[in-house]
Amino acid sequence: MSKAKTAPSREIESIEPETPVLFRNARENGETYLTAVFPAEPATLNGDTMSCYAHIGQHGSCSFGWYNETSAAKPDEYAALARELESIGYRLKIYKRMTRGHRAAFNAEIRRLRNLRA
């Protein structure tokens, strides 16, 4: 008599998708402030603010105008902030600059959220 082979039981692990992020330096009153910008995540439904995150203040919003006045941070400058985000569950895909794809994803998310409210 032959025994049927069965595949070992495995738990299926849910994996969070990667979140696009841009680490930016902003200068204000002689100080430099590091912020993680999520270019595909709207902060509001009006379409002019993205979600962002900083060590102090944590989650917030930033405008495209503010983004345009900032500069890309270097890996050694944003390493601690990236670790902090990963420690709270983010899987990051780091970019140096915003892409057309980010803007398209941002606009698609605005449309999706507005449809949910309708």
C-alpha atoms as a PDB file:
ATOM      1  CA  MET A   1       0.000   0.000   0.000  1.00  0.00           C
ATOM      2  CA  SER A   2       1.454   3.375  -0.948  1.00  0.00           C
ATOM      3  CA  LYS A   3       1.062   6.478   1.131  1.00  0.00           C
ATOM      4  CA  ALA A   4       0.144   9.709  -0.568  1.00  0.00           C
ATOM      5  CA  LYS A   5       2.719  12.411  -0.061  1.00  0.00           C
ATOM      6  CA  THR A   6       1.410  15.635   1.303  1.00  0.00           C
ATOM      7  CA  ALA A   7       3.109  18.978   1.176  1.00  0.00           C
ATOM      8  CA  PRO A   8       4.279  20.238   4.524  1.00  0.00           C
ATOM      9  CA  SER A   9       1.933  22.695   6.096  1.00  0.00           C
ATOM     10  CA  ARG A  10       3.223  26.257   5.888  1.00  0.00           C
ATOM     11  CA  GLU A  11       1.844  29.436   7.231  1.00  0.00           C
ATOM     12  CA  ILE A  12       1.285  31.945   4.510  1.00  0.00           C
ATOM     13  CA  GLU A  13       2.925  35.143   5.566  1.00  0.00           C
ATOM     14  CA  SER A  14       1.361  38.425   4.567  1.00  0.00           C
ATOM     15  CA  ILE A  15       3.965  40.787   3.187  1.00  0.00           C
ATOM     16  CA  GLU A  16       3.377  44.507   3.154  1.00  0.00           C
ATOM     17  CA  PRO A  17       4.048  46.136  -0.202  1.00  0.00           C
ATOM     18  CA  GLU A  18       7.016  48.456  -0.487  1.00  0.00           C
ATOM     19  CA  THR A  19       6.248  52.106   0.172  1.00  0.00           C
ATOM     20  CA  PRO A  20       7.962  54.659  -2.061  1.00  0.00           C
ATOM     21  CA  VAL A  21       9.810  57.227   0.069  1.00  0.00           C
ATOM     22  CA  LEU A  22      11.973  60.274  -0.566  1.00  0.00           C
ATOM     23  CA  PHE A  23      14.207  61.537   2.229  1.00  0.00           C
ATOM     24  CA  ARG A  24      14.469  65.315   2.039  1.00  0.00           C
ATOM     25  CA  ASN A  25      16.424  68.015   3.837  1.00  0.00           C
ATOM     26  CA  ALA A  26      14.684  71.314   4.458  1.00  0.00           C
ATOM     27  CA  ARG A  27      16.501  74.365   5.709  1.00  0.00           C
ATOM     28  CA  GLU A  28      14.766  76.827   7.968  1.00  0.00           C
ATOM     29  CA  ASN A  29      16.342  79.579  10.090  1.00  0.00           C
ATOM     30  CA  GLY A  30      19.809  78.078   9.643  1.00  0.00           C
ATOM     31  CA  GLU A  31      18.659  74.600  10.764  1.00  0.00           C
ATOM     32  CA  THR A  32      18.329  71.496   8.606  1.00  0.00           C
ATOM     33  CA  TYR A  33      15.309  69.246   9.094  1.00  0.00           C
ATOM     34  CA  LEU A  34      15.077  65.719   7.715  1.00  0.00           C
ATOM     35  CA  THR A  35      11.695  64.491   6.507  1.00  0.00           C
ATOM     36  CA  ALA A  36      10.536  61.278   4.842  1.00  0.00           C
ATOM     37  CA  VAL A  37       8.061  62.085   2.061  1.00  0.00           C
ATOM     38  CA  PHE A  38       5.618  59.479   0.743  1.00  0.00           C
ATOM     39  CA  PRO A  39       5.001  60.726  -2.824  1.00  0.00           C
ATOM     40  CA  ALA A  40       2.190  58.276  -3.621  1.00  0.00           C
ATOM     41  CA  GLU A  41       0.214  58.896  -0.393  1.00  0.00           C
ATOM     42  CA  PRO A  42      -2.099  61.910  -0.339  1.00  0.00           C
ATOM     43  CA  ALA A  43      -2.468  63.588   3.038  1.00  0.00           C
ATOM     44  CA  THR A  44      -5.768  65.216   2.076  1.00  0.00           C
ATOM     45  CA  LEU A  45      -8.311  64.866  -0.701  1.00  0.00           C
ATOM     46  CA  ASN A  46      -7.601  68.316  -2.147  1.00  0.00           C
ATOM     47  CA  GLY A  47      -4.655  66.856  -4.090  1.00  0.00           C
ATOM     48  CA  ASP A  48      -1.933  69.274  -3.028  1.00  0.00           C
ATOM     49  CA  THR A  49      -0.391  67.556   0.001  1.00  0.00           C
ATOM     50  CA  MET A  50       1.516  64.318   0.463  1.00  0.00           C
ATOM     51  CA  SER A  51       1.999  62.303   3.627  1.00  0.00           C
ATOM     52  CA  CYS A  52       5.338  62.692   5.356  1.00  0.00           C
ATOM     53  CA  TYR A  53       7.118  61.628   8.538  1.00  0.00           C
ATOM     54  CA  ALA A  54       9.797  63.154  10.769  1.00  0.00           C
ATOM     55  CA  HIS A  55      11.463  62.080  14.023  1.00  0.00           C
ATOM     56  CA  ILE A  56       9.665  64.873  15.860  1.00  0.00           C
ATOM     57  CA  GLY A  57       6.020  65.302  14.979  1.00  0.00           C
ATOM     58  CA  GLN A  58       5.995  61.965  13.179  1.00  0.00           C
ATOM     59  CA  HIS A  59       3.178  61.666  10.571  1.00  0.00           C
ATOM     60  CA  GLY A  60       2.105  64.861   8.872  1.00  0.00           C
ATOM     61  CA  SER A  61       1.568  66.472   5.499  1.00  0.00           C
ATOM     62  CA  CYS A  62       3.708  68.490   3.127  1.00  0.00           C
ATOM     63  CA  SER A  63       2.912  70.421  -0.010  1.00  0.00           C
ATOM     64  CA  PHE A  64       4.453  69.956  -3.414  1.00  0.00           C
ATOM     65  CA  GLY A  65       5.736  73.529  -3.120  1.00  0.00           C
ATOM     66  CA  TRP A  66       7.555  72.652   0.120  1.00  0.00           C
ATOM     67  CA  TYR A  67       8.995  69.528  -1.529  1.00  0.00           C
ATOM     68  CA  ASN A  68      10.368  71.604  -4.412  1.00  0.00           C
ATOM     69  CA  GLU A  69      12.270  73.793  -1.923  1.00  0.00           C
ATOM     70  CA  THR A  70      14.029  70.827  -0.287  1.00  0.00           C
ATOM     71  CA  SER A  71      17.055  68.790  -1.322  1.00  0.00           C
ATOM     72  CA  ALA A  72      17.663  65.048  -1.394  1.00  0.00           C
ATOM     73  CA  ALA A  73      19.200  63.683   1.809  1.00  0.00           C
ATOM     74  CA  LYS A  74      22.221  61.382   1.704  1.00  0.00           C
ATOM     75  CA  PRO A  75      22.014  57.774   2.953  1.00  0.00           C
ATOM     76  CA  ASP A  76      24.067  58.518   6.079  1.00  0.00           C
ATOM     77  CA  GLU A  77      21.716  61.425   6.870  1.00  0.00           C
ATOM     78  CA  TYR A  78      18.507  59.396   6.599  1.00  0.00           C
ATOM     79  CA  ALA A  79      19.646  55.984   7.887  1.00  0.00           C
ATOM     80  CA  ALA A  80      18.227  56.478  11.400  1.00  0.00           C
ATOM     81  CA  LEU A  81      14.884  57.759  10.102  1.00  0.00           C
ATOM     82  CA  ALA A  82      14.646  54.827   7.674  1.00  0.00           C
ATOM     83  CA  ARG A  83      15.262  52.408  10.575  1.00  0.00           C
ATOM     84  CA  GLU A  84      12.569  54.160  12.623  1.00  0.00           C
ATOM     85  CA  LEU A  85      10.045  53.783   9.802  1.00  0.00           C
ATOM     86  CA  GLU A  86      10.946  50.135   9.299  1.00  0.00           C
ATOM     87  CA  SER A  87      10.568  49.518  13.044  1.00  0.00           C
ATOM     88  CA  ILE A  88       6.928  50.640  12.834  1.00  0.00           C
ATOM     89  CA  GLY A  89       6.165  48.354   9.893  1.00  0.00           C
ATOM     90  CA  TYR A  90       7.111  50.166   6.707  1.00  0.00           C
ATOM     91  CA  ARG A  91       8.865  48.307   3.881  1.00  0.00           C
ATOM     92  CA  LEU A  92      10.621  51.144   2.117  1.00  0.00           C
ATOM     93  CA  LYS A  93      11.594  51.628  -1.518  1.00  0.00           C
ATOM     94  CA  ILE A  94      13.907  54.644  -1.424  1.00  0.00           C
ATOM     95  CA  TYR A  95      14.042  57.091  -4.325  1.00  0.00           C
ATOM     96  CA  LYS A  96      16.194  60.186  -4.827  1.00  0.00           C
ATOM     97  CA  ARG A  97      13.512  62.164  -6.660  1.00  0.00           C
ATOM     98  CA  MET A  98       9.820  62.039  -7.407  1.00  0.00           C
ATOM     99  CA  THR A  99       8.834  60.225 -10.596  1.00  0.00           C
ATOM    100  CA  ARG A 100       5.878  60.432 -12.958  1.00  0.00           C
ATOM    101  CA  GLY A 101       4.848  57.044 -11.601  1.00  0.00           C
ATOM    102  CA  HIS A 102       4.652  58.460  -8.083  1.00  0.00           C
ATOM    103  CA  ARG A 103       2.446  61.301  -9.284  1.00  0.00           C
ATOM    104  CA  ALA A 104       0.220  58.865 -11.209  1.00  0.00           C
ATOM    105  CA  ALA A 105      -0.119  56.645  -8.111  1.00  0.00           C
ATOM    106  CA  PHE A 106      -0.883  59.756  -6.006  1.00  0.00           C
ATOM    107  CA  ASN A 107      -3.640  60.839  -8.413  1.00  0.00           C
ATOM    108  CA  ALA A 108      -5.087  57.320  -8.570  1.00  0.00           C
ATOM    109  CA  GLU A 109      -5.212  57.195  -4.765  1.00  0.00           C
ATOM    110  CA  ILE A 110      -6.991  60.577  -4.642  1.00  0.00           C
ATOM    111  CA  ARG A 111      -9.613  59.254  -7.086  1.00  0.00           C
ATOM    112  CA  ARG A 112     -10.012  56.025  -5.078  1.00  0.00           C
ATOM    113  CA  LEU A 113     -10.454  57.896  -1.793  1.00  0.00           C
ATOM    114  CA  ARG A 114     -12.922  60.371  -3.298  1.00  0.00           C
ATOM    115  CA  ASN A 115     -14.980  57.463  -4.692  1.00  0.00           C
ATOM    116  CA  LEU A 116     -15.113  55.901  -1.237  1.00  0.00           C
ATOM    117  CA  ARG A 117     -16.624  59.106   0.131  1.00  0.00           C
ATOM    118  CA  ALA A 118     -19.255  59.341  -2.633  1.00  0.00           C
END
